[in-house]
Amino acid sequence: MKSLANKVVALTGAASGIGRALALQLADRGCHLALADVDAKGLQDTQAMLPKTVNVTTHSVDVSNKDQVYQWAEDVAKAHGGVDIVINNAGVASHCAIEDINYDDFNWVFDIVFYGVLYGTKAFMPYLRQRPEGHIVNISSVNGFFPFPGNGPYNCAKHAVKALNQTLIQELRGSNIHITSVHPGGIKTNIARNSRFIKSMDPNMNREKAAALFDKIASTSADKAATIIINGILHDKQRLLVGTDAHILDILTRLFPQGFSNLVGRVMLRGAKPATGKLNTRAGEV
């Protein structure tokens, strides 16, 4: 995509973090914005930061709800006369061992992180087909190719997003729609604070400590991440690594597909207690 001027961008997770940074930078490049999030106050705050010259609409959307996503796509096309770019960015996490987590907490992540992306992709595709050039940006993660222990639902969902992106790249080859699969490393956002901290495998770890640790190791700002993503759109990048840590993890995973994962697991779980395997009494499920 050679220029972003006057392009209509539909963006999820726009109330904070990478989504807000993307909204601000896209506005500076002359885009018209359809911003979605479940956080109405955060959306209002993002909108207030935008130049008054920008044509912007805000939409309260739960991306795990297929009907809401499809209605959003219809509303965006009516309000803006069409859609050129879709950025499926919304994400959450649940921290717990696979053996201990119940299905509700697992599915909460998967429904937002994977199905939210799938719904957003399919709902907007008919409208993108109507444009000379369309672009879909689906946010995966380094977790999409390298899993971290205690973060199973997020790992699985981001792996699924990566597989979705790779499939779309194959299926849409030669069409007017381009796909960018984005794999951020540690980004300074509130995802750690907003996650469901169910049960750490480390008895000395709690939500506050986990968030502080994430802040310490997150090496890339949301603004920097947004800049990299926008440049990726302009250059029609199919796979985009965001952050030095993402590039390092990518190299080590290629060199040592299982050995590096084993090493990281041993280091991260040193002193941790094994999963209990206790059933969730509420649902009768692990």
Protein backbone atom coordinates (compact mmCIF):
# COMPACT_ATOMS: atom_id res chain seq x y z
CA MET A 1 0.00 0.00 0.00
CA LYS A 2 1.80 3.08 -1.27
CA SER A 3 -0.09 5.70 0.73
CA LEU A 4 -2.34 5.85 3.78
CA ALA A 5 -3.88 9.22 2.99
CA ASN A 6 -7.72 9.10 3.15
CA LYS A 7 -7.71 5.37 3.83
CA VAL A 8 -10.43 4.05 6.16
CA VAL A 9 -8.99 1.94 8.98
CA ALA A 10 -11.03 -0.32 11.26
CA LEU A 11 -9.07 -0.97 14.45
CA THR A 12 -9.84 -3.08 17.53
CA GLY A 13 -8.31 -2.61 20.98
CA ALA A 14 -8.14 1.13 20.34
CA ALA A 15 -8.72 2.22 23.95
CA SER A 16 -5.10 1.78 25.04
CA GLY A 17 -1.66 0.38 24.28
CA ILE A 18 -0.69 -0.43 20.70
CA GLY A 19 -4.25 0.27 19.52
CA ARG A 20 -4.23 3.83 20.82
CA ALA A 21 -0.73 4.44 19.45
CA LEU A 22 -1.85 3.14 16.05
CA ALA A 23 -4.90 5.40 16.06
CA LEU A 24 -2.82 8.50 16.78
CA GLN A 25 -0.17 7.73 14.17
CA LEU A 26 -2.68 6.69 11.50
CA ALA A 27 -4.56 9.95 12.08
CA ASP A 28 -1.30 11.87 11.55
CA ARG A 29 -0.96 10.10 8.20
CA GLY A 30 -4.40 11.23 7.07
CA CYS A 31 -6.44 8.10 7.76
CA HIS A 32 -10.12 8.00 8.70
CA LEU A 33 -10.71 5.79 11.72
CA ALA A 34 -13.35 3.37 12.98
CA LEU A 35 -12.19 2.54 16.50
CA ALA A 36 -13.54 -0.39 18.52
CA ASP A 37 -13.08 -1.60 22.09
CA VAL A 38 -15.13 -2.82 25.07
CA ASP A 39 -13.62 0.02 27.15
CA ALA A 40 -15.92 2.94 26.34
CA LYS A 41 -14.03 5.40 28.57
CA GLY A 42 -10.71 4.44 26.99
CA LEU A 43 -12.19 4.91 23.53
CA GLN A 44 -13.41 8.38 24.47
CA ASP A 45 -9.93 9.24 25.74
CA THR A 46 -8.35 8.02 22.51
CA GLN A 47 -10.81 10.01 20.42
CA ALA A 48 -10.08 13.14 22.45
CA MET A 49 -6.38 12.85 21.54
CA LEU A 50 -7.08 12.80 17.81
CA PRO A 51 -7.00 15.89 15.56
CA LYS A 52 -10.42 17.41 14.99
CA THR A 53 -9.88 17.12 11.24
CA VAL A 54 -9.99 13.30 11.39
CA ASN A 55 -13.21 11.52 10.48
CA VAL A 56 -13.48 9.11 13.41
CA THR A 57 -16.25 6.86 14.71
CA THR A 58 -16.12 4.86 17.92
CA HIS A 59 -17.84 1.53 18.44
CA SER A 60 -18.41 -0.54 21.58
CA VAL A 61 -17.57 -4.05 20.37
CA ASP A 62 -16.85 -7.32 22.14
CA VAL A 63 -14.72 -9.03 19.51
CA SER A 64 -15.54 -12.47 20.94
CA ASN A 65 -19.17 -11.87 19.90
CA LYS A 66 -19.50 -12.72 16.20
CA ASP A 67 -22.76 -10.82 15.75
CA GLN A 68 -21.29 -7.66 17.25
CA VAL A 69 -18.24 -7.84 14.99
CA TYR A 70 -20.34 -8.32 11.84
CA GLN A 71 -22.62 -5.46 12.87
CA TRP A 72 -19.56 -3.29 13.46
CA ALA A 73 -18.28 -4.06 9.95
CA GLU A 74 -21.64 -3.09 8.47
CA ASP A 75 -21.78 0.10 10.54
CA VAL A 76 -18.24 1.08 9.53
CA ALA A 77 -18.95 0.59 5.82
CA LYS A 78 -22.09 2.74 6.09
CA ALA A 79 -20.47 5.47 8.16
CA HIS A 80 -17.26 5.74 6.14
CA GLY A 81 -18.36 4.59 2.70
CA GLY A 82 -16.09 1.55 2.79
CA VAL A 83 -13.03 0.06 4.48
CA ASP A 84 -9.42 -0.16 3.26
CA ILE A 85 -7.50 -1.55 6.25
CA VAL A 86 -8.51 -3.79 9.15
CA ILE A 87 -6.26 -4.16 12.18
CA ASN A 88 -7.30 -6.93 14.58
CA ASN A 89 -5.37 -5.93 17.68
CA ALA A 90 -7.52 -6.68 20.76
CA GLY A 91 -5.99 -9.16 23.20
CA VAL A 92 -6.11 -10.57 26.75
CA ALA A 93 -4.30 -13.26 28.74
CA SER A 94 -4.93 -15.77 31.55
CA HIS A 95 -2.00 -16.90 33.67
CA CYS A 96 -2.19 -20.45 34.94
CA ALA A 97 -0.81 -23.91 34.17
CA ILE A 98 -2.73 -25.83 31.51
CA GLU A 99 -3.45 -28.60 34.00
CA ASP A 100 -5.01 -26.22 36.52
CA ILE A 101 -6.88 -23.76 34.34
CA ASN A 102 -10.62 -24.23 33.84
CA TYR A 103 -12.18 -24.10 30.41
CA ASP A 104 -13.98 -20.80 31.02
CA ASP A 105 -10.71 -18.96 31.65
CA PHE A 106 -9.01 -20.71 28.74
CA ASN A 107 -11.86 -19.94 26.35
CA TRP A 108 -12.07 -16.31 27.49
CA VAL A 109 -8.60 -15.80 26.02
CA PHE A 110 -9.11 -17.95 22.94
CA ASP A 111 -12.45 -16.35 22.06
CA ILE A 112 -10.95 -12.85 22.09
CA VAL A 113 -7.42 -13.49 20.84
CA PHE A 114 -8.22 -15.99 18.07
CA TYR A 115 -11.93 -15.90 17.28
CA GLY A 116 -11.97 -12.11 17.57
CA VAL A 117 -9.32 -12.01 14.85
CA LEU A 118 -11.15 -14.60 12.73
CA TYR A 119 -14.46 -12.73 13.02
CA GLY A 120 -12.81 -9.40 12.20
CA THR A 121 -11.06 -10.88 9.19
CA LYS A 122 -14.14 -12.55 7.69
CA ALA A 123 -16.61 -9.78 8.56
CA PHE A 124 -14.60 -7.10 6.75
CA MET A 125 -13.36 -9.15 3.81
CA PRO A 126 -16.40 -8.44 1.56
CA TYR A 127 -15.86 -4.72 2.05
CA LEU A 128 -12.12 -4.97 1.40
CA ARG A 129 -12.91 -6.79 -1.85
CA GLN A 130 -14.67 -3.64 -3.05
CA ARG A 131 -11.51 -1.52 -2.76
CA PRO A 132 -8.65 -1.32 -5.28
CA GLU A 133 -6.35 -2.49 -2.49
CA GLY A 134 -7.19 -3.87 0.95
CA HIS A 135 -5.02 -4.81 3.89
CA ILE A 136 -5.60 -7.00 6.94
CA VAL A 137 -3.22 -6.74 9.89
CA ASN A 138 -3.64 -9.53 12.43
CA ILE A 139 -1.65 -9.22 15.64
CA SER A 140 -0.08 -12.50 16.68
CA SER A 141 2.92 -12.43 19.05
CA VAL A 142 6.31 -13.98 19.69
CA ASN A 143 4.10 -16.40 21.63
CA GLY A 144 2.83 -17.41 18.21
CA PHE A 145 6.10 -19.21 17.55
CA PHE A 146 7.58 -19.52 21.04
CA PRO A 147 5.43 -20.51 24.05
CA PHE A 148 6.15 -19.41 27.60
CA PRO A 149 5.08 -21.61 30.55
CA GLY A 150 2.08 -20.50 32.58
CA ASN A 151 0.63 -18.62 29.61
CA GLY A 152 -0.93 -21.53 27.73
CA PRO A 153 -4.21 -19.99 26.48
CA TYR A 154 -2.38 -16.99 25.03
CA ASN A 155 0.33 -19.20 23.49
CA CYS A 156 -2.27 -21.41 21.83
CA ALA A 157 -4.40 -18.53 20.58
CA LYS A 158 -1.44 -16.64 19.13
CA HIS A 159 -0.17 -19.81 17.42
CA ALA A 160 -3.64 -20.10 15.88
CA VAL A 161 -3.53 -16.48 14.69
CA LYS A 162 -0.18 -17.15 13.04
CA ALA A 163 -1.63 -20.22 11.28
CA LEU A 164 -4.65 -18.19 10.17
CA ASN A 165 -2.39 -15.50 8.72
CA GLN A 166 -0.19 -17.98 6.87
CA THR A 167 -3.27 -19.68 5.42
CA LEU A 168 -4.74 -16.35 4.29
CA ILE A 169 -1.46 -15.34 2.64
CA GLN A 170 -1.61 -18.51 0.56
CA GLU A 171 -5.31 -18.28 -0.26
CA LEU A 172 -5.30 -14.56 -1.14
CA ARG A 173 -2.18 -14.64 -3.29
CA GLY A 174 -2.75 -12.53 -6.38
CA SER A 175 -5.85 -10.82 -4.95
CA ASN A 176 -6.34 -7.20 -3.93
CA ILE A 177 -6.05 -8.08 -0.21
CA HIS A 178 -2.70 -8.17 1.56
CA ILE A 179 -2.06 -9.83 4.93
CA THR A 180 0.45 -8.79 7.58
CA SER A 181 1.14 -11.19 10.44
CA VAL A 182 2.56 -9.15 13.33
CA HIS A 183 4.67 -10.73 16.08
CA PRO A 184 5.49 -8.27 18.87
CA GLY A 185 7.88 -9.10 21.67
CA GLY A 186 7.50 -7.38 25.02
CA ILE A 187 5.54 -4.15 24.49
CA LYS A 188 5.02 -1.65 27.29
CA THR A 189 1.23 -1.94 27.62
CA ASN A 190 -1.23 -2.86 30.37
CA ILE A 191 -1.92 -6.40 29.12
CA ALA A 192 -0.17 -7.95 32.13
CA ARG A 193 -2.20 -5.82 34.56
CA ASN A 194 -5.46 -6.53 32.75
CA SER A 195 -4.94 -10.29 32.48
CA ARG A 196 -6.62 -12.91 34.62
CA PHE A 197 -3.94 -13.87 37.11
CA ILE A 198 -5.43 -17.17 38.21
CA LYS A 199 -2.58 -19.13 39.70
CA SER A 200 1.15 -18.76 39.23
CA MET A 201 3.38 -21.82 39.08
CA ASP A 202 5.86 -19.74 41.10
CA PRO A 203 4.60 -19.52 44.72
CA ASN A 204 6.42 -16.20 45.16
CA MET A 205 4.72 -14.54 42.20
CA ASN A 206 1.53 -12.46 42.35
CA ARG A 207 -0.22 -10.11 39.93
CA GLU A 208 1.72 -7.04 41.03
CA LYS A 209 5.09 -8.78 40.82
CA ALA A 210 4.22 -10.28 37.45
CA ALA A 211 3.22 -6.87 36.07
CA ALA A 212 6.39 -5.26 37.43
CA LEU A 213 8.51 -8.01 35.88
CA PHE A 214 6.76 -7.56 32.53
CA ASP A 215 7.39 -3.80 32.67
CA LYS A 216 11.05 -4.50 33.35
CA ILE A 217 11.60 -6.88 30.43
CA ALA A 218 9.27 -5.17 27.90
CA SER A 219 11.76 -3.46 25.62
CA THR A 220 9.53 -1.72 23.07
CA SER A 221 7.12 1.18 23.54
CA ALA A 222 3.62 1.08 22.10
CA ASP A 223 4.53 4.09 19.93
CA LYS A 224 7.53 2.29 18.46
CA ALA A 225 5.44 -0.83 17.85
CA ALA A 226 2.81 1.24 16.04
CA THR A 227 5.44 2.85 13.83
CA ILE A 228 6.84 -0.56 12.84
CA ILE A 229 3.36 -1.89 12.06
CA ILE A 230 2.44 1.10 9.91
CA ASN A 231 5.69 0.83 7.97
CA GLY A 232 4.90 -2.86 7.49
CA ILE A 233 1.55 -1.94 5.94
CA LEU A 234 3.19 0.55 3.59
CA HIS A 235 5.70 -2.09 2.45
CA ASP A 236 3.16 -4.94 2.28
CA LYS A 237 5.16 -7.03 4.76
CA GLN A 238 3.74 -10.51 5.22
CA ARG A 239 5.58 -11.28 8.49
CA LEU A 240 6.58 -8.54 10.88
CA LEU A 241 8.69 -8.91 14.01
CA VAL A 242 8.36 -6.05 16.51
CA GLY A 243 11.19 -5.41 18.95
CA THR A 244 14.76 -6.62 19.35
CA ASP A 245 13.59 -9.39 21.65
CA ALA A 246 11.27 -10.69 18.91
CA HIS A 247 14.16 -10.93 16.47
CA ILE A 248 16.35 -12.72 19.02
CA LEU A 249 13.62 -15.21 19.93
CA ASP A 250 12.97 -15.86 16.24
CA ILE A 251 16.65 -16.68 15.60
CA LEU A 252 17.03 -18.91 18.66
CA THR A 253 13.80 -20.77 17.91
CA ARG A 254 14.97 -21.44 14.36
CA LEU A 255 18.37 -22.68 15.56
CA PHE A 256 17.09 -24.77 18.49
CA PRO A 257 13.41 -25.59 17.83
CA GLN A 258 12.90 -27.61 21.02
CA GLY A 259 16.13 -27.14 22.97
CA PHE A 260 15.67 -23.40 23.45
CA SER A 261 12.11 -23.92 24.67
CA ASN A 262 13.32 -26.54 27.15
CA LEU A 263 16.00 -24.17 28.46
CA VAL A 264 13.61 -21.25 28.93
CA GLY A 265 11.12 -23.51 30.71
CA ARG A 266 13.78 -24.75 33.14
CA VAL A 267 14.92 -21.21 33.91
CA MET A 268 11.45 -19.72 34.29
CA LEU A 269 10.10 -22.58 36.39
CA ARG A 270 13.09 -22.95 38.68
CA GLY A 271 11.63 -23.29 42.17
CA ALA A 272 8.07 -23.42 40.83
CA LYS A 273 5.55 -25.92 42.11
CA PRO A 274 4.08 -28.40 39.63
CA ALA A 275 0.45 -28.07 38.60
CA THR A 276 -1.98 -29.67 41.02
CA GLY A 277 -4.35 -31.16 38.50
CA LYS A 278 -7.29 -30.36 40.81
CA LEU A 279 -10.65 -30.22 39.12
CA ASN A 280 -12.55 -26.97 38.93
CA THR A 281 -15.44 -27.69 41.27
CA ARG A 282 -17.66 -25.08 39.68
CA ALA A 283 -17.52 -26.65 36.22
CA GLY A 284 -16.25 -30.12 37.06
CA GLU A 285 -13.44 -29.53 34.60
CA VAL A 286 -9.75 -28.78 34.73
